[in-house]
PDB file of N, CA and C in Angstrom:
ATOM      1  N   MET A   1     118.671  98.997  93.815  1.00  0.00           N
ATOM      2  CA  MET A   1     117.532  99.638  93.197  1.00  0.00           C
ATOM      3  C   MET A   1     116.295  99.386  94.055  1.00  0.00           C
ATOM      4  N   PRO A   2     115.556 100.433  94.382  1.00  0.00           N
ATOM      5  CA  PRO A   2     114.369 100.244  95.232  1.00  0.00           C
ATOM      6  C   PRO A   2     113.275  99.475  94.488  1.00  0.00           C
ATOM      7  N   GLU A   3     112.468  98.779  95.278  1.00  0.00           N
ATOM      8  CA  GLU A   3     111.343  98.053  94.691  1.00  0.00           C
ATOM      9  C   GLU A   3     110.310  99.044  94.176  1.00  0.00           C
ATOM     10  N   PRO A   4     109.567  98.654  93.140  1.00  0.00           N
ATOM     11  CA  PRO A   4     108.544  99.573  92.621  1.00  0.00           C
ATOM     12  C   PRO A   4     107.483  99.868  93.676  1.00  0.00           C
ATOM     13  N   GLY A   5     107.002 101.087  93.673  1.00  0.00           N
ATOM     14  CA  GLY A   5     105.952 101.480  94.599  1.00  0.00           C
ATOM     15  C   GLY A   5     104.623 100.862  94.214  1.00  0.00           C
ATOM     16  N   PRO A   6     103.649 100.926  95.115  1.00  0.00           N
ATOM     17  CA  PRO A   6     102.361 100.300  94.841  1.00  0.00           C
ATOM     18  C   PRO A   6     101.674 100.867  93.610  1.00  0.00           C
ATOM     19  N   ASP A   7     101.870 102.156  93.338  1.00  0.00           N
ATOM     20  CA  ASP A   7     101.178 102.739  92.187  1.00  0.00           C
ATOM     21  C   ASP A   7     101.690 102.200  90.864  1.00  0.00           C
ATOM     22  N   THR A   8     102.902 101.664  90.820  1.00  0.00           N
ATOM     23  CA  THR A   8     103.409 101.100  89.567  1.00  0.00           C
ATOM     24  C   THR A   8     102.893  99.690  89.334  1.00  0.00           C
ATOM     25  N   ARG A   9     102.310  99.071  90.353  1.00  0.00           N
ATOM     26  CA  ARG A   9     101.766  97.721  90.206  1.00  0.00           C
ATOM     27  C   ARG A   9     100.261  97.726  89.958  1.00  0.00           C
ATOM     28  N   LEU A  10      99.666  98.894  89.933  1.00  0.00           N
ATOM     29  CA  LEU A  10      98.232  98.973  89.642  1.00  0.00           C
ATOM     30  C   LEU A  10      97.990  98.634  88.178  1.00  0.00           C
ATOM     31  N   VAL A  11      96.920  97.914  87.932  1.00  0.00           N
ATOM     32  CA  VAL A  11      96.525  97.546  86.572  1.00  0.00           C
ATOM     33  C   VAL A  11      95.512  98.593  86.113  1.00  0.00           C
ATOM     34  N   PRO A  12      95.874  99.426  85.135  1.00  0.00           N
ATOM     35  CA  PRO A  12      94.969 100.509  84.721  1.00  0.00           C
ATOM     36  C   PRO A  12      93.537 100.056  84.432  1.00  0.00           C
ATOM     37  N   LEU A  13      93.385  98.908  83.820  1.00  0.00           N
ATOM     38  CA  LEU A  13      92.052  98.407  83.489  1.00  0.00           C
ATOM     39  C   LEU A  13      91.220  98.148  84.744  1.00  0.00           C
ATOM     40  N   LEU A  14      91.881  97.798  85.842  1.00  0.00           N
ATOM     41  CA  LEU A  14      91.163  97.491  87.083  1.00  0.00           C
ATOM     42  C   LEU A  14      90.907  98.715  87.948  1.00  0.00           C
ATOM     43  N   LEU A  15      91.305  99.888  87.485  1.00  0.00           N
ATOM     44  CA  LEU A  15      90.979 101.105  88.217  1.00  0.00           C
ATOM     45  C   LEU A  15      89.495 101.440  88.088  1.00  0.00           C
ATOM     46  N   ASP A  16      88.836 100.851  87.115  1.00  0.00           N
ATOM     47  CA  ASP A  16      87.389 100.990  86.968  1.00  0.00           C
ATOM     48  C   ASP A  16      86.723 100.111  88.037  1.00  0.00           C
ATOM     49  N   PRO A  17      85.870 100.687  88.886  1.00  0.00           N
ATOM     50  CA  PRO A  17      85.269  99.906  89.979  1.00  0.00           C
ATOM     51  C   PRO A  17      84.470  98.687  89.512  1.00  0.00           C
ATOM     52  N   THR A  18      83.794  98.788  88.391  1.00  0.00           N
ATOM     53  CA  THR A  18      83.005  97.654  87.908  1.00  0.00           C
ATOM     54  C   THR A  18      83.909  96.492  87.518  1.00  0.00           C
ATOM     55  N   ARG A  19      84.978  96.777  86.778  1.00  0.00           N
ATOM     56  CA  ARG A  19      85.897  95.706  86.385  1.00  0.00           C
ATOM     57  C   ARG A  19      86.615  95.133  87.607  1.00  0.00           C
ATOM     58  N   LEU A  20      86.920  95.965  88.579  1.00  0.00           N
ATOM     59  CA  LEU A  20      87.554  95.466  89.802  1.00  0.00           C
ATOM     60  C   LEU A  20      86.604  94.534  90.547  1.00  0.00           C
ATOM     61  N   ARG A  21      85.323  94.884  90.613  1.00  0.00           N
ATOM     62  CA  ARG A  21      84.343  94.006  91.276  1.00  0.00           C
ATOM     63  C   ARG A  21      84.227  92.668  90.548  1.00  0.00           C
ATOM     64  N   ILE A  22      84.236  92.701  89.220  1.00  0.00           N
ATOM     65  CA  ILE A  22      84.177  91.458  88.437  1.00  0.00           C
ATOM     66  C   ILE A  22      85.406  90.612  88.747  1.00  0.00           C
ATOM     67  N   ALA A  23      86.589  91.221  88.701  1.00  0.00           N
ATOM     68  CA  ALA A  23      87.829  90.487  88.953  1.00  0.00           C
ATOM     69  C   ALA A  23      87.854  89.927  90.373  1.00  0.00           C
ATOM     70  N   ALA A  24      87.437  90.717  91.344  1.00  0.00           N
ATOM     71  CA  ALA A  24      87.416  90.250  92.733  1.00  0.00           C
ATOM     72  C   ALA A  24      86.448  89.080  92.904  1.00  0.00           C
ATOM     73  N   THR A  25      85.334  89.131  92.203  1.00  0.00           N
ATOM     74  CA  THR A  25      84.373  88.017  92.239  1.00  0.00           C
ATOM     75  C   THR A  25      85.019  86.753  91.690  1.00  0.00           C
ATOM     76  N   LEU A  26      85.760  86.902  90.597  1.00  0.00           N
ATOM     77  CA  LEU A  26      86.394  85.732  89.984  1.00  0.00           C
ATOM     78  C   LEU A  26      87.547  85.202  90.831  1.00  0.00           C
ATOM     79  N   VAL A  27      88.256  86.067  91.539  1.00  0.00           N
ATOM     80  CA  VAL A  27      89.311  85.606  92.443  1.00  0.00           C
ATOM     81  C   VAL A  27      88.697  84.711  93.508  1.00  0.00           C
ATOM     82  N   ALA A  28      87.598  85.163  94.075  1.00  0.00           N
ATOM     83  CA  ALA A  28      86.960  84.431  95.165  1.00  0.00           C
ATOM     84  C   ALA A  28      86.229  83.179  94.682  1.00  0.00           C
ATOM     85  N   ALA A  29      85.609  83.253  93.513  1.00  0.00           N
ATOM     86  CA  ALA A  29      84.733  82.172  93.064  1.00  0.00           C
ATOM     87  C   ALA A  29      85.412  81.170  92.132  1.00  0.00           C
ATOM     88  N   GLY A  30      86.492  81.561  91.484  1.00  0.00           N
ATOM     89  CA  GLY A  30      87.149  80.658  90.532  1.00  0.00           C
ATOM     90  C   GLY A  30      86.406  80.630  89.214  1.00  0.00           C
ATOM     91  N   GLU A  31      86.107  79.447  88.727  1.00  0.00           N
ATOM     92  CA  GLU A  31      85.407  79.253  87.454  1.00  0.00           C
ATOM     93  C   GLU A  31      83.904  79.261  87.725  1.00  0.00           C
ATOM     94  N   VAL A  32      83.205  80.248  87.153  1.00  0.00           N
ATOM     95  CA  VAL A  32      81.786  80.396  87.473  1.00  0.00           C
ATOM     96  C   VAL A  32      80.951  80.672  86.228  1.00  0.00           C
ATOM     97  N   GLU A  33      79.659  80.450  86.357  1.00  0.00           N
ATOM     98  CA  GLU A  33      78.712  80.698  85.290  1.00  0.00           C
ATOM     99  C   GLU A  33      78.480  82.203  85.150  1.00  0.00           C
ATOM    100  N   PHE A  34      78.288  82.648  83.926  1.00  0.00           N
ATOM    101  CA  PHE A  34      78.081  84.056  83.593  1.00  0.00           C
ATOM    102  C   PHE A  34      77.017  84.688  84.490  1.00  0.00           C
ATOM    103  N   GLY A  35      75.906  83.995  84.687  1.00  0.00           N
ATOM    104  CA  GLY A  35      74.800  84.521  85.490  1.00  0.00           C
ATOM    105  C   GLY A  35      75.190  84.786  86.935  1.00  0.00           C
ATOM    106  N   PHE A  36      76.081  83.971  87.472  1.00  0.00           N
ATOM    107  CA  PHE A  36      76.548  84.179  88.845  1.00  0.00           C
ATOM    108  C   PHE A  36      77.264  85.522  88.947  1.00  0.00           C
ATOM    109  N   VAL A  37      78.167  85.786  87.997  1.00  0.00           N
ATOM    110  CA  VAL A  37      78.911  87.048  88.008  1.00  0.00           C
ATOM    111  C   VAL A  37      77.942  88.212  87.799  1.00  0.00           C
ATOM    112  N   ARG A  38      77.041  88.069  86.845  1.00  0.00           N
ATOM    113  CA  ARG A  38      76.048  89.111  86.563  1.00  0.00           C
ATOM    114  C   ARG A  38      75.269  89.478  87.812  1.00  0.00           C
ATOM    115  N   ASP A  39      74.772  88.473  88.506  1.00  0.00           N
ATOM    116  CA  ASP A  39      73.964  88.716  89.700  1.00  0.00           C
ATOM    117  C   ASP A  39      74.811  89.266  90.848  1.00  0.00           C
ATOM    118  N   ARG A  40      76.007  88.757  90.997  1.00  0.00           N
ATOM    119  CA  ARG A  40      76.886  89.184  92.089  1.00  0.00           C
ATOM    120  C   ARG A  40      77.314  90.641  91.928  1.00  0.00           C
ATOM    121  N   VAL A  41      77.595  91.045  90.675  1.00  0.00           N
ATOM    122  CA  VAL A  41      78.082  92.399  90.415  1.00  0.00           C
ATOM    123  C   VAL A  41      76.921  93.366  90.154  1.00  0.00           C
ATOM    124  N   GLY A  42      75.760  92.825  89.792  1.00  0.00           N
ATOM    125  CA  GLY A  42      74.591  93.671  89.583  1.00  0.00           C
ATOM    126  C   GLY A  42      74.580  94.389  88.246  1.00  0.00           C
ATOM    127  N   LEU A  43      74.951  93.681  87.189  1.00  0.00           N
ATOM    128  CA  LEU A  43      74.963  94.260  85.844  1.00  0.00           C
ATOM    129  C   LEU A  43      73.964  93.544  84.951  1.00  0.00           C
ATOM    130  N   SER A  44      73.591  94.207  83.875  1.00  0.00           N
ATOM    131  CA  SER A  44      72.784  93.545  82.850  1.00  0.00           C
ATOM    132  C   SER A  44      73.701  92.612  82.060  1.00  0.00           C
ATOM    133  N   ASP A  45      73.105  91.692  81.311  1.00  0.00           N
ATOM    134  CA  ASP A  45      73.897  90.786  80.478  1.00  0.00           C
ATOM    135  C   ASP A  45      74.806  91.562  79.524  1.00  0.00           C
ATOM    136  N   SER A  46      74.252  92.572  78.871  1.00  0.00           N
ATOM    137  CA  SER A  46      75.045  93.314  77.885  1.00  0.00           C
ATOM    138  C   SER A  46      76.173  94.110  78.543  1.00  0.00           C
ATOM    139  N   ALA A  47      75.905  94.696  79.710  1.00  0.00           N
ATOM    140  CA  ALA A  47      76.952  95.456  80.405  1.00  0.00           C
ATOM    141  C   ALA A  47      78.073  94.529  80.875  1.00  0.00           C
ATOM    142  N   LEU A  48      77.706  93.358  81.399  1.00  0.00           N
ATOM    143  CA  LEU A  48      78.724  92.405  81.839  1.00  0.00           C
ATOM    144  C   LEU A  48      79.519  91.895  80.639  1.00  0.00           C
ATOM    145  N   SER A  49      78.848  91.602  79.542  1.00  0.00           N
ATOM    146  CA  SER A  49      79.549  91.133  78.338  1.00  0.00           C
ATOM    147  C   SER A  49      80.587  92.149  77.878  1.00  0.00           C
ATOM    148  N   LYS A  50      80.221  93.408  77.904  1.00  0.00           N
ATOM    149  CA  LYS A  50      81.144  94.467  77.485  1.00  0.00           C
ATOM    150  C   LYS A  50      82.363  94.521  78.400  1.00  0.00           C
ATOM    151  N   GLN A  51      82.144  94.436  79.699  1.00  0.00           N
ATOM    152  CA  GLN A  51      83.252  94.480  80.647  1.00  0.00           C
ATOM    153  C   GLN A  51      84.132  93.236  80.531  1.00  0.00           C
ATOM    154  N   LEU A  52      83.518  92.070  80.346  1.00  0.00           N
ATOM    155  CA  LEU A  52      84.289  90.839  80.190  1.00  0.00           C
ATOM    156  C   LEU A  52      85.117  90.871  78.908  1.00  0.00           C
ATOM    157  N   LYS A  53      84.568  91.467  77.861  1.00  0.00           N
ATOM    158  CA  LYS A  53      85.317  91.575  76.609  1.00  0.00           C
ATOM    159  C   LYS A  53      86.576  92.421  76.818  1.00  0.00           C
ATOM    160  N   ALA A  54      86.451  93.528  77.543  1.00  0.00           N
ATOM    161  CA  ALA A  54      87.615  94.376  77.829  1.00  0.00           C
ATOM    162  C   ALA A  54      88.650  93.605  78.640  1.00  0.00           C
ATOM    163  N   LEU A  55      88.197  92.854  79.642  1.00  0.00           N
ATOM    164  CA  LEU A  55      89.120  92.073  80.466  1.00  0.00           C
ATOM    165  C   LEU A  55      89.754  90.935  79.665  1.00  0.00           C
ATOM    166  N   ALA A  56      88.988  90.324  78.771  1.00  0.00           N
ATOM    167  CA  ALA A  56      89.517  89.241  77.936  1.00  0.00           C
ATOM    168  C   ALA A  56      90.529  89.770  76.928  1.00  0.00           C
ATOM    169  N   THR A  57      90.260  90.922  76.350  1.00  0.00           N
ATOM    170  CA  THR A  57      91.181  91.529  75.388  1.00  0.00           C
ATOM    171  C   THR A  57      92.535  91.788  76.044  1.00  0.00           C
ATOM    172  N   ALA A  58      92.519  92.128  77.325  1.00  0.00           N
ATOM    173  CA  ALA A  58      93.752  92.369  78.076  1.00  0.00           C
ATOM    174  C   ALA A  58      94.378  91.075  78.587  1.00  0.00           C
ATOM    175  N   GLY A  59      93.723  89.947  78.347  1.00  0.00           N
ATOM    176  CA  GLY A  59      94.262  88.657  78.773  1.00  0.00           C
ATOM    177  C   GLY A  59      94.026  88.318  80.231  1.00  0.00           C
ATOM    178  N   LEU A  60      93.095  89.034  80.873  1.00  0.00           N
ATOM    179  CA  LEU A  60      92.839  88.783  82.297  1.00  0.00           C
ATOM    180  C   LEU A  60      91.805  87.692  82.540  1.00  0.00           C
ATOM    181  N   VAL A  61      90.842  87.560  81.632  1.00  0.00           N
ATOM    182  CA  VAL A  61      89.802  86.535  81.802  1.00  0.00           C
ATOM    183  C   VAL A  61      89.644  85.741  80.517  1.00  0.00           C
ATOM    184  N   GLU A  62      89.032  84.586  80.676  1.00  0.00           N
ATOM    185  CA  GLU A  62      88.638  83.790  79.518  1.00  0.00           C
ATOM    186  C   GLU A  62      87.222  83.289  79.758  1.00  0.00           C
ATOM    187  N   SER A  63      86.495  83.111  78.687  1.00  0.00           N
ATOM    188  CA  SER A  63      85.123  82.615  78.808  1.00  0.00           C
ATOM    189  C   SER A  63      84.868  81.602  77.701  1.00  0.00           C
ATOM    190  N   TRP A  64      83.899  80.759  77.916  1.00  0.00           N
ATOM    191  CA  TRP A  64      83.536  79.735  76.952  1.00  0.00           C
ATOM    192  C   TRP A  64      82.103  79.312  77.216  1.00  0.00           C
ATOM    193  N   ARG A  65      81.534  78.625  76.234  1.00  0.00           N
ATOM    194  CA  ARG A  65      80.154  78.148  76.350  1.00  0.00           C
ATOM    195  C   ARG A  65      80.148  76.632  76.323  1.00  0.00           C
ATOM    196  N   GLU A  66      79.265  76.064  77.128  1.00  0.00           N
ATOM    197  CA  GLU A  66      79.106  74.619  77.178  1.00  0.00           C
ATOM    198  C   GLU A  66      77.632  74.272  77.074  1.00  0.00           C
ATOM    199  N   PRO A  67      77.314  73.233  76.319  1.00  0.00           N
ATOM    200  CA  PRO A  67      75.915  72.813  76.246  1.00  0.00           C
ATOM    201  C   PRO A  67      75.489  72.173  77.574  1.00  0.00           C
ATOM    202  N   THR A  68      74.289  72.535  78.011  1.00  0.00           N
ATOM    203  CA  THR A  68      73.707  71.930  79.214  1.00  0.00           C
ATOM    204  C   THR A  68      72.251  71.639  78.900  1.00  0.00           C
ATOM    205  N   GLY A  69      71.977  70.411  78.550  1.00  0.00           N
ATOM    206  CA  GLY A  69      70.618  70.056  78.162  1.00  0.00           C
ATOM    207  C   GLY A  69      70.246  70.742  76.871  1.00  0.00           C
ATOM    208  N   SER A  70      69.156  71.504  76.884  1.00  0.00           N
ATOM    209  CA  SER A  70      68.700  72.173  75.668  1.00  0.00           C
ATOM    210  C   SER A  70      69.261  73.584  75.528  1.00  0.00           C
ATOM    211  N   ALA A  71      70.051  74.014  76.496  1.00  0.00           N
ATOM    212  CA  ALA A  71      70.600  75.376  76.467  1.00  0.00           C
ATOM    213  C   ALA A  71      72.124  75.319  76.478  1.00  0.00           C
ATOM    214  N   ARG A  72      72.728  76.473  76.402  1.00  0.00           N
ATOM    215  CA  ARG A  72      74.184  76.587  76.521  1.00  0.00           C
ATOM    216  C   ARG A  72      74.476  77.592  77.626  1.00  0.00           C
ATOM    217  N   LYS A  73      75.387  77.240  78.495  1.00  0.00           N
ATOM    218  CA  LYS A  73      75.778  78.149  79.572  1.00  0.00           C
ATOM    219  C   LYS A  73      77.151  78.725  79.267  1.00  0.00           C
ATOM    220  N   SER A  74      77.320  79.987  79.636  1.00  0.00           N
ATOM    221  CA  SER A  74      78.609  80.647  79.488  1.00  0.00           C
ATOM    222  C   SER A  74      79.338  80.612  80.821  1.00  0.00           C
ATOM    223  N   TRP A  75      80.615  80.314  80.760  1.00  0.00           N
ATOM    224  CA  TRP A  75      81.458  80.224  81.943  1.00  0.00           C
ATOM    225  C   TRP A  75      82.590  81.234  81.840  1.00  0.00           C
ATOM    226  N   VAL A  76      83.068  81.687  82.995  1.00  0.00           N
ATOM    227  CA  VAL A  76      84.101  82.719  83.045  1.00  0.00           C
ATOM    228  C   VAL A  76      85.104  82.358  84.138  1.00  0.00           C
ATOM    229  N   ARG A  77      86.384  82.681  83.879  1.00  0.00           N
ATOM    230  CA  ARG A  77      87.408  82.535  84.915  1.00  0.00           C
ATOM    231  C   ARG A  77      88.568  83.464  84.596  1.00  0.00           C
ATOM    232  N   LEU A  78      89.356  83.759  85.620  1.00  0.00           N
ATOM    233  CA  LEU A  78      90.579  84.517  85.417  1.00  0.00           C
ATOM    234  C   LEU A  78      91.605  83.612  84.758  1.00  0.00           C
ATOM    235  N   THR A  79      92.433  84.174  83.897  1.00  0.00           N
ATOM    236  CA  THR A  79      93.571  83.430  83.367  1.00  0.00           C
ATOM    237  C   THR A  79      94.629  83.383  84.463  1.00  0.00           C
ATOM    238  N   GLY A  80      95.663  82.582  84.274  1.00  0.00           N
ATOM    239  CA  GLY A  80      96.758  82.560  85.242  1.00  0.00           C
ATOM    240  C   GLY A  80      97.390  83.936  85.377  1.00  0.00           C
ATOM    241  N   ASP A  81      97.642  84.583  84.246  1.00  0.00           N
ATOM    242  CA  ASP A  81      98.207  85.930  84.266  1.00  0.00           C
ATOM    243  C   ASP A  81      97.229  86.911  84.902  1.00  0.00           C
ATOM    244  N   GLY A  82      95.945  86.734  84.609  1.00  0.00           N
ATOM    245  CA  GLY A  82      94.923  87.603  85.192  1.00  0.00           C
ATOM    246  C   GLY A  82      94.896  87.494  86.699  1.00  0.00           C
ATOM    247  N   ARG A  83      94.997  86.275  87.211  1.00  0.00           N
ATOM    248  CA  ARG A  83      95.000  86.064  88.664  1.00  0.00           C
ATOM    249  C   ARG A  83      96.206  86.760  89.298  1.00  0.00           C
ATOM    250  N   GLU A  84      97.370  86.664  88.653  1.00  0.00           N
ATOM    251  CA  GLU A  84      98.569  87.339  89.174  1.00  0.00           C
ATOM    252  C   GLU A  84      98.403  88.855  89.161  1.00  0.00           C
ATOM    253  N   GLN A  85      97.872  89.380  88.061  1.00  0.00           N
ATOM    254  CA  GLN A  85      97.704  90.828  87.959  1.00  0.00           C
ATOM    255  C   GLN A  85      96.677  91.356  88.958  1.00  0.00           C
ATOM    256  N   VAL A  86      95.591  90.637  89.124  1.00  0.00           N
ATOM    257  CA  VAL A  86      94.563  91.064  90.080  1.00  0.00           C
ATOM    258  C   VAL A  86      95.124  91.020  91.502  1.00  0.00           C
ATOM    259  N   SER A  87      95.865  89.970  91.827  1.00  0.00           N
ATOM    260  CA  SER A  87      96.456  89.869  93.162  1.00  0.00           C
ATOM    261  C   SER A  87      97.432  91.017  93.414  1.00  0.00           C
ATOM    262  N   ALA A  88      98.281  91.329  92.424  1.00  0.00           N
ATOM    263  CA  ALA A  88      99.237  92.437  92.567  1.00  0.00           C
ATOM    264  C   ALA A  88      98.499  93.766  92.707  1.00  0.00           C
ATOM    265  N   HIS A  89      97.425  93.930  91.952  1.00  0.00           N
ATOM    266  CA  HIS A  89      96.625  95.161  92.004  1.00  0.00           C
ATOM    267  C   HIS A  89      96.011  95.337  93.396  1.00  0.00           C
ATOM    268  N   ILE A  90      95.422  94.273  93.920  1.00  0.00           N
ATOM    269  CA  ILE A  90      94.787  94.337  95.238  1.00  0.00           C
ATOM    270  C   ILE A  90      95.829  94.595  96.322  1.00  0.00           C
ATOM    271  N   LEU A  91      96.988  93.954  96.232  1.00  0.00           N
ATOM    272  CA  LEU A  91      98.063  94.196  97.189  1.00  0.00           C
ATOM    273  C   LEU A  91      98.511  95.658  97.132  1.00  0.00           C
ATOM    274  N   ALA A  92      98.636  96.195  95.930  1.00  0.00           N
ATOM    275  CA  ALA A  92      99.039  97.599  95.781  1.00  0.00           C
ATOM    276  C   ALA A  92      97.997  98.529  96.402  1.00  0.00           C
ATOM    277  N   LEU A  93      96.712  98.234  96.208  1.00  0.00           N
ATOM    278  CA  LEU A  93      95.662  99.052  96.814  1.00  0.00           C
ATOM    279  C   LEU A  93      95.742  98.995  98.337  1.00  0.00           C
ATOM    280  N   ARG A  94      96.010  97.812  98.873  1.00  0.00           N
ATOM    281  CA  ARG A  94      96.131  97.671 100.329  1.00  0.00           C
ATOM    282  C   ARG A  94      97.319  98.485 100.851  1.00  0.00           C
ATOM    283  N   GLU A  95      98.421  98.457 100.111  1.00  0.00           N
ATOM    284  CA  GLU A  95      99.599  99.210 100.535  1.00  0.00           C
ATOM    285  C   GLU A  95      99.329 100.718 100.474  1.00  0.00           C
ATOM    286  N   ILE A  96      98.640 101.139  99.451  1.00  0.00           N
ATOM    287  CA  ILE A  96      98.284 102.560  99.346  1.00  0.00           C
ATOM    288  C   ILE A  96      97.386 102.959 100.518  1.00  0.00           C
ATOM    289  N   ALA A  97      96.405 102.107 100.825  1.00  0.00           N
ATOM    290  CA  ALA A  97      95.492 102.401 101.932  1.00  0.00           C
ATOM    291  C   ALA A  97      96.217 102.412 103.275  1.00  0.00           C
ATOM    292  N   ALA A  98      97.290 101.636 103.377  1.00  0.00           N
ATOM    293  CA  ALA A  98      98.047 101.581 104.636  1.00  0.00           C
ATOM    294  C   ALA A  98      99.143 102.647 104.665  1.00  0.00           C
ATOM    295  N   GLY A  99      99.138 103.560 103.711  1.00  0.00           N
ATOM    296  CA  GLY A  99     100.140 104.613 103.698  1.00  0.00           C
ATOM    297  C   GLY A  99     101.446 104.195 103.052  1.00  0.00           C
ATOM    298  N   GLY A 100     101.388 103.192 102.181  1.00  0.00           N
ATOM    299  CA  GLY A 100     102.587 102.781 101.459  1.00  0.00           C
ATOM    300  C   GLY A 100     103.449 101.779 102.201  1.00  0.00           C
ATOM    301  N   GLU A 101     103.044 101.384 103.390  1.00  0.00           N
ATOM    302  CA  GLU A 101     103.824 100.394 104.140  1.00  0.00           C
ATOM    303  C   GLU A 101     103.606  99.022 103.535  1.00  0.00           C
ATOM    304  N   ARG A 102     104.644  98.243 103.476  1.00  0.00           N
ATOM    305  CA  ARG A 102     104.537  96.850 102.989  1.00  0.00           C
ATOM    306  C   ARG A 102     104.093  95.967 104.149  1.00  0.00           C
ATOM    307  N   SER A 103     103.207  95.012 103.810  1.00  0.00           N
ATOM    308  CA  SER A 103     102.757  94.101 104.864  1.00  0.00           C
ATOM    309  C   SER A 103     103.448  92.772 104.751  1.00  0.00           C
TER     310      SER A 103
END
């Protein structure tokens, strides 16, 4: 049986460029503060919250709040499954860009 093509490994949720940028930021940065992702991706707090909620509902990211002095900071990271899915998605995109050849 042939291996699945790159298009079958694409994660539909990550076909949205904004969510892909968020996921790529988290792959590179690991566990980061909400503001870092917001600034890196260039979204408002509410827009980022909406996108993170969609990614969390799909099990790709998790977030939590921690007290820091008199304030609370929100933190975000990819789940283990999220990291695998994002990696497979990026590999599939690379294969598509290379004309379907496996690297």
